[in-house]
N, C-alpha and C. Protein backbone atom coordinates (compact mmCIF):
# COMPACT_ATOMS: atom_id res chain seq x y z
N GLU A 1 0.70 -1.35 0.42
CA GLU A 1 0.24 -0.42 0.31
C GLU A 1 0.88 1.32 -0.10
N HIS A 2 2.09 1.46 0.68
CA HIS A 2 2.56 2.04 0.49
C HIS A 2 3.85 2.40 1.30
N ALA A 3 5.17 3.38 1.04
CA ALA A 3 6.79 2.93 1.32
C ALA A 3 6.85 4.20 1.83
N ASN A 4 7.38 4.29 3.30
CA ASN A 4 7.37 5.82 3.75
C ASN A 4 9.20 6.02 4.10
N MET A 5 9.57 7.32 3.65
CA MET A 5 11.00 7.92 2.62
C MET A 5 10.91 9.10 2.91
N GLY A 6 11.91 9.54 3.98
CA GLY A 6 13.03 10.90 3.95
C GLY A 6 13.84 10.60 3.03
N VAL A 7 13.85 12.23 2.26
CA VAL A 7 14.72 13.00 1.44
C VAL A 7 14.97 14.20 2.11
N ILE A 8 16.12 14.70 1.17
CA ILE A 8 16.38 16.33 2.06
C ILE A 8 15.29 17.31 1.47
N ASN A 9 15.01 17.13 -0.20
CA ASN A 9 13.90 17.75 -0.68
C ASN A 9 12.52 16.89 -1.51
N PRO A 10 12.09 16.54 -0.65
CA PRO A 10 10.43 16.15 -0.97
C PRO A 10 10.11 16.35 -2.57
N GLU A 11 9.98 17.82 -3.44
CA GLU A 11 9.95 17.99 -4.80
C GLU A 11 10.67 17.67 -5.79
N LYS A 12 12.01 16.87 -5.54
CA LYS A 12 12.39 15.66 -6.26
C LYS A 12 12.09 15.02 -6.60
N THR A 13 11.64 13.82 -5.30
CA THR A 13 11.60 13.01 -5.71
C THR A 13 10.71 12.93 -5.87
N ILE A 14 9.14 13.79 -5.80
CA ILE A 14 7.76 14.10 -6.49
C ILE A 14 7.79 14.51 -7.34
N ARG A 15 9.23 14.73 -8.72
CA ARG A 15 9.37 15.00 -9.80
C ARG A 15 9.22 14.17 -10.63
N PHE A 16 10.25 13.60 -10.16
CA PHE A 16 10.52 11.74 -10.25
C PHE A 16 9.58 10.78 -10.81
N LEU A 17 8.64 10.66 -10.12
CA LEU A 17 7.52 10.00 -9.43
C LEU A 17 6.46 10.32 -10.58
N THR A 18 5.85 12.01 -10.09
CA THR A 18 5.29 12.13 -11.98
C THR A 18 5.81 11.94 -12.52
N SER A 19 6.68 12.61 -13.05
CA SER A 19 7.50 11.61 -14.76
C SER A 19 7.06 10.11 -14.70
N ALA A 20 8.36 9.82 -14.16
CA ALA A 20 6.85 8.11 -14.03
C ALA A 20 5.68 7.52 -14.65
N LEU A 21 4.32 8.59 -13.38
CA LEU A 21 3.47 7.63 -13.40
C LEU A 21 2.80 9.03 -13.50
N PRO A 22 2.59 9.57 -14.43
CA PRO A 22 1.34 10.38 -14.81
C PRO A 22 0.14 10.11 -13.74
N GLU A 23 0.07 9.18 -13.22
CA GLU A 23 -1.10 9.33 -13.37
C GLU A 23 -1.59 9.69 -12.27
N TRP A 24 0.07 9.21 -11.04
CA TRP A 24 -0.06 9.38 -9.35
C TRP A 24 -0.04 11.12 -9.06
N SER A 25 -0.61 11.69 -8.03
CA SER A 25 -0.43 12.96 -7.81
C SER A 25 0.06 13.25 -6.23
N VAL A 26 -0.47 14.17 -6.38
CA VAL A 26 0.06 14.76 -4.61
C VAL A 26 -1.45 15.00 -3.64
N ARG A 27 -1.37 13.39 -2.90
CA ARG A 27 -2.33 12.97 -2.36
C ARG A 27 -2.59 14.16 -1.17
N GLY A 28 -1.52 14.33 -0.90
CA GLY A 28 -1.51 15.85 0.36
C GLY A 28 -0.62 15.74 1.62
N GLY A 29 -0.60 16.70 1.84
CA GLY A 29 0.98 16.69 3.13
C GLY A 29 0.68 17.62 3.85
N GLY A 30 1.90 18.63 3.98
CA GLY A 30 2.13 19.43 5.10
C GLY A 30 3.61 19.65 5.88
N THR A 31 3.63 20.42 7.20
CA THR A 31 4.77 20.53 8.03
C THR A 31 4.40 19.99 9.16
N TYR A 32 5.30 19.79 10.26
CA TYR A 32 5.11 19.28 11.44
C TYR A 32 6.41 19.73 11.94
N THR A 33 6.48 20.16 13.06
CA THR A 33 7.48 20.50 13.85
C THR A 33 7.47 19.38 14.85
N ASN A 34 9.46 18.71 15.05
CA ASN A 34 9.16 17.71 15.39
C ASN A 34 10.29 17.14 16.09
N ASP A 35 10.80 15.72 16.66
CA ASP A 35 11.17 16.72 18.17
C ASP A 35 11.85 17.34 18.80
N ALA A 36 12.82 17.54 17.75
CA ALA A 36 13.77 18.19 18.39
C ALA A 36 13.48 19.85 18.15
N GLY A 37 12.23 20.29 17.26
CA GLY A 37 12.14 21.47 17.53
C GLY A 37 12.59 21.09 15.96
N LYS A 38 12.40 20.88 14.32
CA LYS A 38 12.61 20.97 12.86
C LYS A 38 11.83 21.19 11.81
N GLU A 39 11.37 21.89 11.44
CA GLU A 39 10.15 21.31 10.61
C GLU A 39 10.06 21.19 9.36
N ILE A 40 9.31 19.83 9.30
CA ILE A 40 9.67 18.60 8.31
C ILE A 40 8.89 19.22 7.49
N GLU A 41 8.29 19.18 5.71
CA GLU A 41 7.76 18.84 5.23
C GLU A 41 7.26 17.28 4.63
N TRP A 42 6.18 17.65 4.41
CA TRP A 42 6.13 15.67 4.29
C TRP A 42 4.82 15.94 2.73
N CYS A 43 4.34 14.77 2.32
CA CYS A 43 3.97 14.67 1.40
C CYS A 43 3.80 12.99 1.36
N HIS A 44 2.55 12.68 0.85
CA HIS A 44 1.78 11.63 -0.13
C HIS A 44 2.00 11.98 -0.82
N VAL A 45 2.05 11.06 -2.45
CA VAL A 45 2.01 11.21 -3.47
C VAL A 45 1.62 9.43 -4.24
N GLY A 46 0.94 9.50 -5.22
CA GLY A 46 0.69 8.56 -5.71
C GLY A 46 -0.30 8.28 -5.66
N ASP A 47 -1.20 6.86 -6.24
CA ASP A 47 -3.06 7.59 -6.65
C ASP A 47 -4.59 6.68 -5.35
N GLU A 48 -4.45 6.50 -6.10
CA GLU A 48 -6.37 5.88 -4.75
C GLU A 48 -5.38 4.81 -3.89
N SER A 49 -4.63 3.98 -4.82
CA SER A 49 -4.91 2.59 -3.96
C SER A 49 -3.23 1.91 -3.78
N SER A 50 -2.35 3.20 -3.41
CA SER A 50 -0.84 2.81 -3.42
C SER A 50 -0.36 4.01 -4.02
N TYR A 51 0.93 4.77 -2.64
CA TYR A 51 1.39 5.93 -2.20
C TYR A 51 2.85 5.68 -1.53
N ILE A 52 3.79 6.65 -1.99
CA ILE A 52 4.78 6.57 -1.20
C ILE A 52 4.95 8.11 -0.09
N ALA A 53 5.24 7.38 0.95
CA ALA A 53 5.19 9.48 1.71
C ALA A 53 6.55 9.51 2.13
N LEU A 54 5.93 10.50 2.47
CA LEU A 54 8.05 11.71 1.50
C LEU A 54 8.26 13.24 2.52
N SER A 55 8.81 12.25 3.58
CA SER A 55 9.32 14.17 4.47
C SER A 55 10.91 13.77 3.98
N SER A 56 10.88 15.20 4.82
CA SER A 56 12.24 16.44 4.23
C SER A 56 13.31 16.20 5.43
N THR A 57 12.60 14.56 5.95
CA THR A 57 13.72 13.90 6.61
C THR A 57 15.18 13.37 6.43
N GLY A 58 15.07 13.78 5.69
CA GLY A 58 16.72 13.25 4.55
C GLY A 58 17.85 13.25 5.09
N LYS A 59 18.99 13.06 4.80
CA LYS A 59 20.77 14.03 5.62
C LYS A 59 21.34 13.04 4.07
N GLY A 60 21.69 13.28 3.53
CA GLY A 60 23.54 12.75 2.22
C GLY A 60 21.88 11.35 1.58
N ASP A 61 23.14 10.90 0.52
CA ASP A 61 22.92 10.81 0.11
C ASP A 61 22.16 9.06 -0.12
N ALA A 62 20.91 8.21 -0.44
CA ALA A 62 21.12 7.14 0.28
C ALA A 62 22.40 6.45 -0.51
N GLU A 63 22.76 4.88 0.09
CA GLU A 63 23.69 4.54 0.00
C GLU A 63 23.89 3.89 -1.38
N ASP A 64 24.86 3.72 -2.46
CA ASP A 64 24.82 2.39 -3.60
C ASP A 64 24.29 1.88 -3.09
N TRP A 65 23.95 1.19 -4.12
CA TRP A 65 22.52 0.17 -4.04
C TRP A 65 23.76 -1.63 -3.90
N THR A 66 24.57 -0.68 -4.62
CA THR A 66 25.67 -2.47 -5.07
C THR A 66 26.58 -2.44 -3.58
N ALA A 67 26.01 -1.22 -2.60
CA ALA A 67 27.61 -0.59 -1.33
C ALA A 67 25.42 -3.00 -1.17
N GLU A 68 27.05 -3.21 0.40
CA GLU A 68 26.74 -4.10 1.78
C GLU A 68 25.94 -2.63 2.38
N PHE A 69 24.98 -3.30 2.59
CA PHE A 69 23.75 -1.87 3.98
C PHE A 69 22.47 -3.31 4.41
N THR A 70 21.86 -2.56 5.65
CA THR A 70 21.32 -2.76 5.53
C THR A 70 20.18 -1.94 5.21
N GLY A 71 18.78 -2.30 5.17
CA GLY A 71 18.05 -1.30 4.45
C GLY A 71 17.64 -1.68 3.67
N VAL A 72 16.63 -0.80 2.64
CA VAL A 72 15.54 -0.85 1.30
C VAL A 72 17.06 -0.20 0.23
N LYS A 73 16.96 -1.92 -0.53
CA LYS A 73 17.96 -1.43 -1.58
C LYS A 73 16.84 -0.91 -2.93
N HIS A 74 16.18 -0.66 -3.18
CA HIS A 74 14.81 -0.26 -4.15
C HIS A 74 13.96 -0.48 -4.16
N ILE A 75 13.44 -0.39 -4.46
CA ILE A 75 10.93 0.17 -4.54
C ILE A 75 10.74 0.07 -5.89
N GLY A 76 10.14 -1.52 -6.43
CA GLY A 76 9.48 -2.05 -7.50
C GLY A 76 8.20 -1.42 -7.33
N ILE A 77 7.82 -0.84 -8.35
CA ILE A 77 6.52 -0.81 -9.28
C ILE A 77 6.26 -0.82 -10.50
N VAL A 78 5.00 -1.96 -10.23
CA VAL A 78 4.17 -2.55 -11.41
C VAL A 78 4.01 -1.70 -12.92
N VAL A 79 4.06 -1.82 -13.38
CA VAL A 79 3.81 -0.25 -14.72
C VAL A 79 3.17 -1.31 -16.37
N PRO A 80 1.93 -0.78 -16.69
CA PRO A 80 1.41 -1.30 -17.28
C PRO A 80 2.50 -1.29 -19.14
N ASN A 81 3.29 -0.04 -19.52
CA ASN A 81 3.57 0.07 -20.18
C ASN A 81 5.11 0.77 -20.37
N LEU A 82 6.34 -0.24 -19.74
CA LEU A 82 7.48 -0.18 -19.59
C LEU A 82 8.14 1.40 -20.39
N SER A 83 8.26 0.62 -22.01
CA SER A 83 8.35 1.31 -22.78
C SER A 83 8.12 3.23 -22.72
N GLU A 84 6.43 3.98 -22.90
CA GLU A 84 5.92 4.91 -22.27
C GLU A 84 6.62 5.47 -20.90
N LEU A 85 6.52 4.36 -19.87
CA LEU A 85 7.40 5.46 -19.04
C LEU A 85 8.74 5.57 -19.24
N GLU A 86 9.60 4.95 -20.12
CA GLU A 86 11.06 4.91 -20.65
C GLU A 86 11.31 6.01 -20.99
N GLU A 87 10.16 6.28 -22.47
CA GLU A 87 9.84 7.63 -22.76
C GLU A 87 9.88 8.72 -21.86
N ARG A 88 8.92 8.21 -21.38
CA ARG A 88 8.58 9.37 -20.49
C ARG A 88 9.84 10.38 -19.62
N LEU A 89 10.48 9.94 -18.26
CA LEU A 89 11.74 9.58 -18.16
C LEU A 89 12.46 9.88 -18.81
N SER A 90 13.19 9.64 -19.62
CA SER A 90 13.72 10.36 -20.27
C SER A 90 13.54 12.37 -20.60
N GLN A 91 12.63 12.57 -21.11
CA GLN A 91 12.10 13.65 -21.77
C GLN A 91 11.99 14.47 -20.12
N ALA A 92 11.87 13.96 -19.16
CA ALA A 92 12.04 14.46 -17.74
C ALA A 92 13.45 14.23 -17.62
N GLY A 93 14.88 14.25 -18.17
CA GLY A 93 16.39 13.70 -17.92
C GLY A 93 16.19 13.08 -16.76
N TYR A 94 15.23 12.10 -17.34
CA TYR A 94 16.43 10.47 -16.32
C TYR A 94 17.27 9.41 -16.68
N GLU A 95 17.91 9.08 -17.40
CA GLU A 95 18.50 7.64 -17.16
C GLU A 95 17.47 5.97 -17.34
N VAL A 96 17.70 4.83 -17.97
CA VAL A 96 17.95 4.16 -17.78
C VAL A 96 19.25 3.84 -16.42
N ASP A 97 19.79 3.27 -15.07
CA ASP A 97 20.47 3.33 -14.31
C ASP A 97 20.81 0.88 -15.17
N HIS A 98 19.38 0.34 -14.98
CA HIS A 98 20.31 -1.15 -16.18
C HIS A 98 18.56 -1.23 -15.91
N ARG A 99 18.95 -2.53 -16.66
CA ARG A 99 18.26 -3.62 -17.07
C ARG A 99 17.47 -4.92 -16.07
N GLY A 100 17.24 -5.26 -15.83
CA GLY A 100 16.65 -6.90 -15.71
C GLY A 100 17.03 -7.32 -16.05
N ASN A 101 17.65 -9.37 -15.41
CA ASN A 101 17.66 -10.02 -17.47
C ASN A 101 16.07 -9.99 -18.21
N PRO A 102 16.96 -10.43 -19.41
CA PRO A 102 15.89 -10.81 -20.12
C PRO A 102 14.95 -12.12 -19.37
N HIS A 103 13.79 -11.72 -19.96
CA HIS A 103 12.50 -12.41 -19.01
C HIS A 103 11.47 -12.85 -20.26
N PRO A 104 10.79 -13.77 -20.69
CA PRO A 104 9.76 -13.89 -21.36
C PRO A 104 8.56 -13.44 -20.90
N HIS A 105 8.34 -12.98 -20.02
CA HIS A 105 7.30 -12.93 -19.25
C HIS A 105 6.83 -11.19 -18.10
N ARG A 106 8.00 -10.71 -18.15
CA ARG A 106 8.34 -9.39 -17.39
C ARG A 106 8.94 -8.59 -18.57
N LYS A 107 9.78 -7.42 -18.04
CA LYS A 107 10.45 -6.78 -18.23
C LYS A 107 11.06 -5.30 -17.30
N ASN A 108 11.54 -5.54 -17.81
CA ASN A 108 12.05 -3.99 -16.06
C ASN A 108 13.30 -2.92 -15.93
N ALA A 109 13.54 -2.39 -15.50
CA ALA A 109 14.67 -1.20 -15.78
C ALA A 109 14.37 -0.57 -14.35
N TYR A 110 15.49 -0.09 -13.66
CA TYR A 110 16.44 1.23 -12.96
C TYR A 110 16.98 1.85 -13.39
N TYR A 111 15.67 3.19 -12.27
CA TYR A 111 16.29 4.11 -12.23
C TYR A 111 16.89 4.91 -10.93
N MET A 112 17.19 5.76 -11.10
CA MET A 112 17.96 6.58 -9.51
C MET A 112 17.58 7.88 -9.34
N GLU A 113 17.28 8.17 -8.63
CA GLU A 113 16.49 9.43 -8.56
C GLU A 113 17.57 9.89 -7.66
N ASP A 114 16.97 11.39 -7.62
CA ASP A 114 17.97 12.94 -7.15
C ASP A 114 18.83 12.30 -5.68
N HIS A 115 18.01 11.90 -5.18
CA HIS A 115 18.69 11.43 -2.87
C HIS A 115 19.14 9.25 -3.88
N ASN A 116 19.68 9.40 -4.40
CA ASN A 116 20.35 8.02 -5.19
C ASN A 116 19.34 7.17 -4.34
N ILE A 117 18.06 7.61 -4.36
CA ILE A 117 16.79 5.81 -4.39
C ILE A 117 17.11 5.49 -5.51
N GLN A 118 16.12 3.70 -5.59
CA GLN A 118 16.61 3.15 -6.41
C GLN A 118 15.46 2.64 -6.40
N PHE A 119 14.37 2.47 -7.79
CA PHE A 119 13.15 2.68 -8.35
C PHE A 119 13.49 1.57 -9.50
N GLU A 120 12.92 -0.13 -9.00
CA GLU A 120 12.77 -0.31 -10.41
C GLU A 120 11.04 -0.36 -10.36
N PHE A 121 11.19 -0.22 -12.02
CA PHE A 121 9.57 -0.21 -13.34
C PHE A 121 9.16 -1.36 -13.76
N ILE A 122 8.48 -2.39 -13.16
CA ILE A 122 8.40 -3.88 -14.23
C ILE A 122 7.06 -4.24 -14.59
N GLU A 123 7.36 -3.83 -15.82
CA GLU A 123 6.37 -4.60 -17.49
C GLU A 123 5.87 -6.29 -17.12
N TYR A 124 4.51 -6.74 -16.60
CA TYR A 124 4.25 -8.03 -16.66
C TYR A 124 4.06 -8.39 -18.35
N LEU A 125 5.10 -9.74 -18.97
CA LEU A 125 3.79 -9.80 -20.25
C LEU A 125 3.19 -10.95 -20.50
N SER A 126 2.04 -11.34 -18.73
CA SER A 126 1.63 -12.11 -18.46
C SER A 126 1.20 -12.05 -17.45
N THR A 127 -0.20 -12.58 -17.28
CA THR A 127 -0.73 -12.77 -16.02
C THR A 127 -0.71 -13.77 -14.87
N ALA A 128 -0.69 -15.18 -15.72
CA ALA A 128 0.18 -16.34 -14.95
C ALA A 128 1.12 -15.82 -14.19
N PRO A 129 0.62 -15.95 -12.45
CA PRO A 129 1.97 -16.07 -11.73
C PRO A 129 2.84 -17.37 -12.06
N GLU A 130 2.38 -17.88 -12.07
CA GLU A 130 3.84 -19.34 -12.49
C GLU A 130 4.48 -17.93 -13.33
N LEU A 131 4.72 -18.24 -14.19
CA LEU A 131 4.72 -17.50 -15.33
C LEU A 131 6.37 -15.73 -15.86
N LYS A 132 4.76 -15.24 -14.85
CA LYS A 132 5.91 -13.74 -14.13
C LYS A 132 6.53 -14.35 -13.31
N ASN A 133 6.01 -14.78 -12.73
CA ASN A 133 6.98 -14.61 -11.02
C ASN A 133 7.87 -16.27 -11.28
N ASP A 134 7.97 -16.63 -12.65
CA ASP A 134 8.74 -17.59 -12.51
C ASP A 134 10.70 -17.05 -12.76
N TYR A 135 11.64 -17.41 -11.98
CA TYR A 135 12.82 -17.76 -11.39
C TYR A 135 13.63 -18.27 -12.46
N LEU A 136 14.07 -19.40 -12.85
CA LEU A 136 14.97 -20.39 -13.18
C LEU A 136 15.24 -20.08 -14.29
N LEU A 137 14.43 -18.30 -15.55
CA LEU A 137 14.87 -18.57 -17.19
C LEU A 137 16.33 -17.90 -16.27
């Protein structure tokens, strides 16, 4: 349903996500004062069924996804048409970081947003769970 992420500048992540997924928008947001007295911006960006919660609680960039660390390596989002998403992100100035291995029943592409957070976008080419979730190929 959602993931909660701390970033330095939520507007940058909003731009990335809404460029990738034009059906997503900011569902709500505002500011609050944390326990240390710092004003924090927050928002939920997504659609009616799922979203990413963002807050301006980040410090520095996320660890490189290839590094060994405890934490989230990437967020995966299913899309209906990966080629169209790639074109939208290209027009917005984002490039594919890398792709998953070729598979007859799914294709995917990985992108790094402005805080070095990795997102995987997946298009399934089958609705059959045994095909789209096949890991033996």
